[in-house]
Amino acid sequence: MKLRVLFAVLTLFFTTPLLSQDLPKGLTNSEKQILKNYSFPSSPAGINAPPSKPVRTMAEWEELEGIMITWTSYQAILAQIVDYAQEQGKVFIVCSDSNTVKTYLTQRSIELKNLVFLIKPFNSIWSRDYGP
């Protein structure tokens, strides 16, 4: 019995790294090359005046009007997010072509309700880096 347990533990120990995804840590070589000539987004106009009311960050438990996603990669996962999130509120979808997104969702029998399409520039799926 002890030998079986030991064998199971050793098998798990040695096979787990083989089954896990190899996600990059830091920038890849191609990303480093792109970064050399990358121009970070900025507003040419700048901010002329401070907000007229106090600014605050909402608490994590406060209700949201909706969520924002960027339609670029991982589209199967994004479609699932849209499917379930639109039941609870608006889904703001940043994309380059709303018809492509609508077609993708329709082909998967996902309703097109509570969706707001924002045709805006983006540079990755991670909207937390440039979103509200």
N, C-alpha and C. Protein backbone atom coordinates (compact mmCIF):
# COMPACT_ATOMS: atom_id res chain seq x y z
N MET A 1 0.83 -1.20 0.00
CA MET A 1 0.00 0.00 0.00
C MET A 1 0.87 1.26 0.00
N LYS A 2 1.92 1.24 0.85
CA LYS A 2 2.80 2.40 0.92
C LYS A 2 3.53 2.62 -0.40
N LEU A 3 3.86 1.53 -1.07
CA LEU A 3 4.55 1.62 -2.35
C LEU A 3 3.66 2.26 -3.41
N ARG A 4 2.36 1.93 -3.39
CA ARG A 4 1.41 2.53 -4.33
C ARG A 4 1.28 4.04 -4.08
N VAL A 5 1.18 4.42 -2.84
CA VAL A 5 1.07 5.84 -2.50
C VAL A 5 2.34 6.57 -2.94
N LEU A 6 3.49 6.00 -2.65
CA LEU A 6 4.75 6.60 -3.04
C LEU A 6 4.83 6.72 -4.57
N PHE A 7 4.43 5.70 -5.28
CA PHE A 7 4.44 5.73 -6.73
C PHE A 7 3.50 6.82 -7.25
N ALA A 8 2.32 6.94 -6.67
CA ALA A 8 1.35 7.96 -7.09
C ALA A 8 1.90 9.36 -6.85
N VAL A 9 2.52 9.58 -5.70
CA VAL A 9 3.08 10.89 -5.38
C VAL A 9 4.22 11.23 -6.33
N LEU A 10 5.10 10.28 -6.58
CA LEU A 10 6.22 10.52 -7.49
C LEU A 10 5.74 10.76 -8.91
N THR A 11 4.74 10.01 -9.34
CA THR A 11 4.18 10.22 -10.68
C THR A 11 3.59 11.62 -10.80
N LEU A 12 2.83 12.03 -9.81
CA LEU A 12 2.23 13.36 -9.81
C LEU A 12 3.31 14.43 -9.80
N PHE A 13 4.34 14.23 -9.00
CA PHE A 13 5.42 15.20 -8.87
C PHE A 13 6.17 15.40 -10.19
N PHE A 14 6.41 14.31 -10.89
CA PHE A 14 7.20 14.40 -12.11
C PHE A 14 6.38 14.70 -13.37
N THR A 15 5.09 14.41 -13.37
CA THR A 15 4.29 14.66 -14.57
C THR A 15 3.58 16.00 -14.55
N THR A 16 3.36 16.59 -13.41
CA THR A 16 2.65 17.87 -13.34
C THR A 16 3.35 18.95 -14.15
N PRO A 17 4.67 19.11 -14.05
CA PRO A 17 5.32 20.14 -14.89
C PRO A 17 5.16 19.87 -16.38
N LEU A 18 5.06 18.62 -16.77
CA LEU A 18 4.90 18.29 -18.19
C LEU A 18 3.52 18.68 -18.70
N LEU A 19 2.52 18.64 -17.84
CA LEU A 19 1.15 18.93 -18.24
C LEU A 19 0.80 20.40 -18.14
N SER A 20 1.56 21.17 -17.38
CA SER A 20 1.24 22.58 -17.20
C SER A 20 1.65 23.36 -18.44
N GLN A 21 1.00 24.50 -18.62
CA GLN A 21 1.32 25.36 -19.76
C GLN A 21 2.62 26.10 -19.49
N ASP A 22 3.39 26.28 -20.53
CA ASP A 22 4.59 27.07 -20.41
C ASP A 22 4.27 28.50 -20.81
N LEU A 23 3.84 29.28 -19.84
CA LEU A 23 3.53 30.67 -20.10
C LEU A 23 4.79 31.50 -19.91
N PRO A 24 5.00 32.48 -20.78
CA PRO A 24 6.23 33.27 -20.66
C PRO A 24 6.25 34.11 -19.40
N LYS A 25 7.44 34.32 -18.89
CA LYS A 25 7.64 35.22 -17.75
C LYS A 25 8.43 36.39 -18.29
N GLY A 26 7.84 37.56 -18.27
CA GLY A 26 8.52 38.72 -18.83
C GLY A 26 8.27 38.80 -20.33
N LEU A 27 9.06 39.63 -21.00
CA LEU A 27 8.89 39.85 -22.43
C LEU A 27 9.60 38.78 -23.24
N THR A 28 8.99 38.38 -24.34
CA THR A 28 9.65 37.47 -25.27
C THR A 28 10.64 38.29 -26.11
N ASN A 29 11.49 37.61 -26.85
CA ASN A 29 12.46 38.32 -27.69
C ASN A 29 11.77 39.18 -28.74
N SER A 30 10.69 38.68 -29.33
CA SER A 30 9.98 39.47 -30.34
C SER A 30 9.31 40.70 -29.71
N GLU A 31 8.80 40.56 -28.48
CA GLU A 31 8.21 41.71 -27.80
C GLU A 31 9.28 42.76 -27.46
N LYS A 32 10.46 42.31 -27.09
CA LYS A 32 11.55 43.25 -26.81
C LYS A 32 11.92 44.05 -28.05
N GLN A 33 11.89 43.40 -29.22
CA GLN A 33 12.21 44.10 -30.46
C GLN A 33 11.13 45.14 -30.79
N ILE A 34 9.87 44.77 -30.59
CA ILE A 34 8.77 45.69 -30.86
C ILE A 34 8.83 46.88 -29.91
N LEU A 35 9.18 46.63 -28.66
CA LEU A 35 9.20 47.67 -27.64
C LEU A 35 10.20 48.78 -27.96
N LYS A 36 11.27 48.46 -28.67
CA LYS A 36 12.28 49.46 -29.02
C LYS A 36 11.70 50.62 -29.82
N ASN A 37 10.73 50.33 -30.69
CA ASN A 37 10.13 51.35 -31.55
C ASN A 37 8.68 51.67 -31.18
N TYR A 38 8.23 51.16 -30.04
CA TYR A 38 6.83 51.33 -29.66
C TYR A 38 6.58 52.74 -29.14
N SER A 39 5.49 53.30 -29.56
CA SER A 39 5.09 54.63 -29.09
C SER A 39 3.89 54.45 -28.17
N PHE A 40 4.06 54.74 -26.89
CA PHE A 40 2.99 54.57 -25.93
C PHE A 40 1.88 55.58 -26.19
N PRO A 41 0.61 55.17 -26.04
CA PRO A 41 -0.51 56.08 -26.29
C PRO A 41 -0.46 57.28 -25.35
N SER A 42 -0.76 58.43 -25.91
CA SER A 42 -0.84 59.62 -25.08
C SER A 42 -1.85 60.57 -25.69
N SER A 43 -2.34 61.44 -24.89
CA SER A 43 -3.31 62.42 -25.35
C SER A 43 -2.57 63.70 -25.71
N PRO A 44 -2.66 64.11 -26.98
CA PRO A 44 -1.94 65.33 -27.37
C PRO A 44 -2.52 66.58 -26.71
N ALA A 45 -3.81 66.54 -26.39
CA ALA A 45 -4.44 67.71 -25.80
C ALA A 45 -4.12 67.83 -24.31
N GLY A 46 -3.94 66.70 -23.64
CA GLY A 46 -3.69 66.75 -22.20
C GLY A 46 -4.96 67.08 -21.44
N ILE A 47 -4.84 67.26 -20.16
CA ILE A 47 -5.98 67.62 -19.31
C ILE A 47 -5.85 69.10 -18.97
N ASN A 48 -6.84 69.87 -19.39
CA ASN A 48 -6.77 71.32 -19.19
C ASN A 48 -7.23 71.75 -17.81
N ALA A 49 -8.18 71.04 -17.23
CA ALA A 49 -8.72 71.45 -15.93
C ALA A 49 -9.02 70.20 -15.11
N PRO A 50 -8.88 70.30 -13.80
CA PRO A 50 -9.22 69.15 -12.96
C PRO A 50 -10.72 68.90 -12.98
N PRO A 51 -11.15 67.68 -12.60
CA PRO A 51 -12.58 67.39 -12.56
C PRO A 51 -13.30 68.34 -11.60
N SER A 52 -14.56 68.64 -11.92
CA SER A 52 -15.33 69.58 -11.10
C SER A 52 -15.83 68.95 -9.81
N LYS A 53 -15.88 67.62 -9.76
CA LYS A 53 -16.35 66.93 -8.57
C LYS A 53 -15.23 66.05 -8.02
N PRO A 54 -15.33 65.63 -6.77
CA PRO A 54 -14.30 64.74 -6.22
C PRO A 54 -14.23 63.43 -7.01
N VAL A 55 -13.02 62.94 -7.18
CA VAL A 55 -12.81 61.69 -7.90
C VAL A 55 -12.52 60.59 -6.89
N ARG A 56 -13.11 59.43 -7.09
CA ARG A 56 -12.86 58.30 -6.20
C ARG A 56 -12.90 57.01 -6.99
N THR A 57 -12.26 56.02 -6.46
CA THR A 57 -12.30 54.69 -7.06
C THR A 57 -13.42 53.91 -6.39
N MET A 58 -14.19 53.22 -7.18
CA MET A 58 -15.31 52.47 -6.60
C MET A 58 -14.79 51.29 -5.78
N ALA A 59 -15.56 50.87 -4.82
CA ALA A 59 -15.21 49.72 -4.00
C ALA A 59 -15.52 48.43 -4.77
N GLU A 60 -14.83 47.37 -4.42
CA GLU A 60 -14.99 46.11 -5.17
C GLU A 60 -16.38 45.51 -5.04
N TRP A 61 -17.15 45.89 -4.02
CA TRP A 61 -18.47 45.31 -3.82
C TRP A 61 -19.58 46.17 -4.46
N GLU A 62 -19.25 47.32 -4.99
CA GLU A 62 -20.26 48.18 -5.60
C GLU A 62 -20.75 47.59 -6.92
N GLU A 63 -22.03 47.79 -7.18
CA GLU A 63 -22.63 47.24 -8.39
C GLU A 63 -22.11 47.98 -9.62
N LEU A 64 -21.89 47.22 -10.68
CA LEU A 64 -21.39 47.79 -11.93
C LEU A 64 -22.53 47.97 -12.92
N GLU A 65 -22.37 48.91 -13.83
CA GLU A 65 -23.32 49.05 -14.93
C GLU A 65 -23.05 47.98 -15.97
N GLY A 66 -21.79 47.58 -16.08
CA GLY A 66 -21.42 46.58 -17.06
C GLY A 66 -19.94 46.27 -16.97
N ILE A 67 -19.48 45.50 -17.96
CA ILE A 67 -18.06 45.17 -18.02
C ILE A 67 -17.53 45.53 -19.40
N MET A 68 -16.22 45.69 -19.50
CA MET A 68 -15.60 45.99 -20.78
C MET A 68 -14.61 44.89 -21.12
N ILE A 69 -14.69 44.42 -22.36
CA ILE A 69 -13.72 43.44 -22.85
C ILE A 69 -13.16 43.95 -24.18
N THR A 70 -12.02 43.43 -24.56
CA THR A 70 -11.43 43.77 -25.85
C THR A 70 -11.46 42.51 -26.72
N TRP A 71 -12.11 42.61 -27.87
CA TRP A 71 -12.27 41.47 -28.76
C TRP A 71 -11.06 41.35 -29.66
N THR A 72 -10.10 40.54 -29.24
CA THR A 72 -8.91 40.35 -30.07
C THR A 72 -8.50 38.88 -30.09
N SER A 73 -8.03 38.35 -29.00
CA SER A 73 -7.68 36.93 -28.95
C SER A 73 -8.54 36.24 -27.90
N TYR A 74 -8.41 34.92 -27.80
CA TYR A 74 -9.22 34.12 -26.86
C TYR A 74 -10.71 34.30 -27.10
N GLN A 75 -11.12 34.32 -28.37
CA GLN A 75 -12.50 34.64 -28.71
C GLN A 75 -13.51 33.64 -28.16
N ALA A 76 -13.15 32.38 -28.05
CA ALA A 76 -14.09 31.40 -27.50
C ALA A 76 -14.41 31.73 -26.04
N ILE A 77 -13.39 32.13 -25.29
CA ILE A 77 -13.61 32.50 -23.89
C ILE A 77 -14.39 33.81 -23.80
N LEU A 78 -14.04 34.77 -24.65
CA LEU A 78 -14.76 36.04 -24.65
C LEU A 78 -16.24 35.84 -24.99
N ALA A 79 -16.52 34.92 -25.91
CA ALA A 79 -17.92 34.64 -26.26
C ALA A 79 -18.68 34.11 -25.05
N GLN A 80 -18.05 33.26 -24.25
CA GLN A 80 -18.71 32.75 -23.04
C GLN A 80 -18.93 33.89 -22.04
N ILE A 81 -17.96 34.76 -21.91
CA ILE A 81 -18.12 35.91 -21.01
C ILE A 81 -19.30 36.77 -21.46
N VAL A 82 -19.36 37.06 -22.76
CA VAL A 82 -20.46 37.87 -23.30
C VAL A 82 -21.79 37.18 -23.05
N ASP A 83 -21.87 35.88 -23.29
CA ASP A 83 -23.10 35.12 -23.13
C ASP A 83 -23.67 35.26 -21.72
N TYR A 84 -22.82 35.13 -20.72
CA TYR A 84 -23.30 35.17 -19.34
C TYR A 84 -23.39 36.60 -18.79
N ALA A 85 -22.45 37.46 -19.18
CA ALA A 85 -22.43 38.82 -18.62
C ALA A 85 -23.60 39.66 -19.10
N GLN A 86 -24.06 39.45 -20.33
CA GLN A 86 -25.15 40.27 -20.85
C GLN A 86 -26.47 40.02 -20.11
N GLU A 87 -26.53 38.93 -19.37
CA GLU A 87 -27.72 38.66 -18.55
C GLU A 87 -27.76 39.59 -17.33
N GLN A 88 -26.60 40.08 -16.92
CA GLN A 88 -26.50 40.88 -15.69
C GLN A 88 -26.37 42.38 -15.95
N GLY A 89 -25.88 42.76 -17.12
CA GLY A 89 -25.68 44.18 -17.40
C GLY A 89 -25.11 44.36 -18.80
N LYS A 90 -24.65 45.56 -19.07
CA LYS A 90 -24.10 45.87 -20.38
C LYS A 90 -22.72 45.25 -20.54
N VAL A 91 -22.42 44.88 -21.76
CA VAL A 91 -21.08 44.39 -22.11
C VAL A 91 -20.53 45.35 -23.16
N PHE A 92 -19.52 46.09 -22.77
CA PHE A 92 -18.86 47.02 -23.68
C PHE A 92 -17.74 46.26 -24.37
N ILE A 93 -17.81 46.16 -25.69
CA ILE A 93 -16.84 45.38 -26.44
C ILE A 93 -16.01 46.33 -27.31
N VAL A 94 -14.74 46.47 -26.94
CA VAL A 94 -13.81 47.25 -27.75
C VAL A 94 -13.34 46.34 -28.88
N CYS A 95 -13.52 46.81 -30.11
CA CYS A 95 -13.15 45.97 -31.26
C CYS A 95 -12.83 46.85 -32.46
N SER A 96 -12.31 46.22 -33.49
CA SER A 96 -12.02 46.96 -34.72
C SER A 96 -13.15 46.82 -35.74
N ASP A 97 -14.01 45.80 -35.58
CA ASP A 97 -15.13 45.58 -36.50
C ASP A 97 -16.26 44.88 -35.76
N SER A 98 -17.33 45.60 -35.50
CA SER A 98 -18.44 45.02 -34.72
C SER A 98 -19.15 43.91 -35.49
N ASN A 99 -19.17 43.99 -36.81
CA ASN A 99 -19.86 42.94 -37.59
C ASN A 99 -19.17 41.59 -37.44
N THR A 100 -17.85 41.58 -37.35
CA THR A 100 -17.11 40.33 -37.13
C THR A 100 -17.50 39.72 -35.79
N VAL A 101 -17.59 40.56 -34.77
CA VAL A 101 -17.96 40.08 -33.44
C VAL A 101 -19.39 39.55 -33.45
N LYS A 102 -20.29 40.29 -34.05
CA LYS A 102 -21.69 39.87 -34.11
C LYS A 102 -21.84 38.53 -34.84
N THR A 103 -21.12 38.38 -35.94
CA THR A 103 -21.17 37.12 -36.69
C THR A 103 -20.66 35.97 -35.83
N TYR A 104 -19.54 36.18 -35.15
CA TYR A 104 -18.96 35.14 -34.31
C TYR A 104 -19.95 34.71 -33.22
N LEU A 105 -20.57 35.68 -32.57
CA LEU A 105 -21.52 35.37 -31.49
C LEU A 105 -22.78 34.70 -32.04
N THR A 106 -23.29 35.19 -33.15
CA THR A 106 -24.50 34.62 -33.74
C THR A 106 -24.29 33.18 -34.16
N GLN A 107 -23.12 32.88 -34.72
CA GLN A 107 -22.82 31.51 -35.14
C GLN A 107 -22.79 30.55 -33.96
N ARG A 108 -22.60 31.06 -32.78
CA ARG A 108 -22.57 30.24 -31.57
C ARG A 108 -23.87 30.35 -30.77
N SER A 109 -24.91 30.86 -31.41
CA SER A 109 -26.25 31.00 -30.81
C SER A 109 -26.24 31.85 -29.55
N ILE A 110 -25.42 32.88 -29.55
CA ILE A 110 -25.37 33.81 -28.41
C ILE A 110 -26.17 35.04 -28.80
N GLU A 111 -27.12 35.40 -27.94
CA GLU A 111 -27.96 36.56 -28.21
C GLU A 111 -27.12 37.83 -28.24
N LEU A 112 -27.61 38.81 -28.98
CA LEU A 112 -26.93 40.10 -29.08
C LEU A 112 -27.76 41.15 -28.33
N LYS A 113 -27.75 41.04 -27.02
CA LYS A 113 -28.50 42.02 -26.22
C LYS A 113 -27.55 42.61 -25.17
N ASN A 114 -27.83 43.81 -24.76
CA ASN A 114 -27.01 44.54 -23.78
C ASN A 114 -25.56 44.68 -24.23
N LEU A 115 -25.33 44.73 -25.54
CA LEU A 115 -23.98 44.87 -26.06
C LEU A 115 -23.78 46.29 -26.59
N VAL A 116 -22.64 46.86 -26.25
CA VAL A 116 -22.25 48.17 -26.77
C VAL A 116 -20.90 47.99 -27.43
N PHE A 117 -20.84 48.27 -28.73
CA PHE A 117 -19.60 48.10 -29.47
C PHE A 117 -18.86 49.42 -29.55
N LEU A 118 -17.59 49.39 -29.18
CA LEU A 118 -16.75 50.57 -29.21
C LEU A 118 -15.64 50.33 -30.23
N ILE A 119 -15.73 50.99 -31.34
CA ILE A 119 -14.70 50.85 -32.38
C ILE A 119 -13.58 51.82 -32.01
N LYS A 120 -12.63 51.31 -31.27
CA LYS A 120 -11.54 52.12 -30.72
C LYS A 120 -10.23 51.36 -30.89
N PRO A 121 -9.12 52.08 -30.91
CA PRO A 121 -7.82 51.38 -30.98
C PRO A 121 -7.52 50.64 -29.69
N PHE A 122 -6.82 49.53 -29.81
CA PHE A 122 -6.39 48.75 -28.64
C PHE A 122 -5.09 48.06 -29.01
N ASN A 123 -4.35 47.65 -28.00
CA ASN A 123 -3.09 46.97 -28.30
C ASN A 123 -2.96 45.62 -27.62
N SER A 124 -3.96 45.20 -26.90
CA SER A 124 -3.95 43.86 -26.32
C SER A 124 -5.32 43.54 -25.78
N ILE A 125 -5.50 42.31 -25.36
CA ILE A 125 -6.76 41.89 -24.74
C ILE A 125 -6.90 42.45 -23.34
N TRP A 126 -5.79 42.84 -22.73
CA TRP A 126 -5.78 43.26 -21.33
C TRP A 126 -6.25 44.70 -21.20
N SER A 127 -7.55 44.91 -21.26
CA SER A 127 -8.11 46.26 -21.21
C SER A 127 -7.85 46.95 -19.87
N ARG A 128 -7.48 46.19 -18.86
CA ARG A 128 -7.18 46.84 -17.57
C ARG A 128 -6.01 47.80 -17.72
N ASP A 129 -5.17 47.58 -18.75
CA ASP A 129 -4.02 48.45 -18.96
C ASP A 129 -4.39 49.77 -19.61
N TYR A 130 -5.53 49.85 -20.28
CA TYR A 130 -5.89 51.10 -20.94
C TYR A 130 -7.38 51.43 -20.81
N GLY A 131 -8.11 50.65 -20.05
CA GLY A 131 -9.55 50.87 -19.92
C GLY A 131 -9.90 51.80 -18.76
N PRO A 132 -11.17 51.92 -18.49
CA PRO A 132 -11.62 52.80 -17.40
C PRO A 132 -11.22 52.29 -16.03
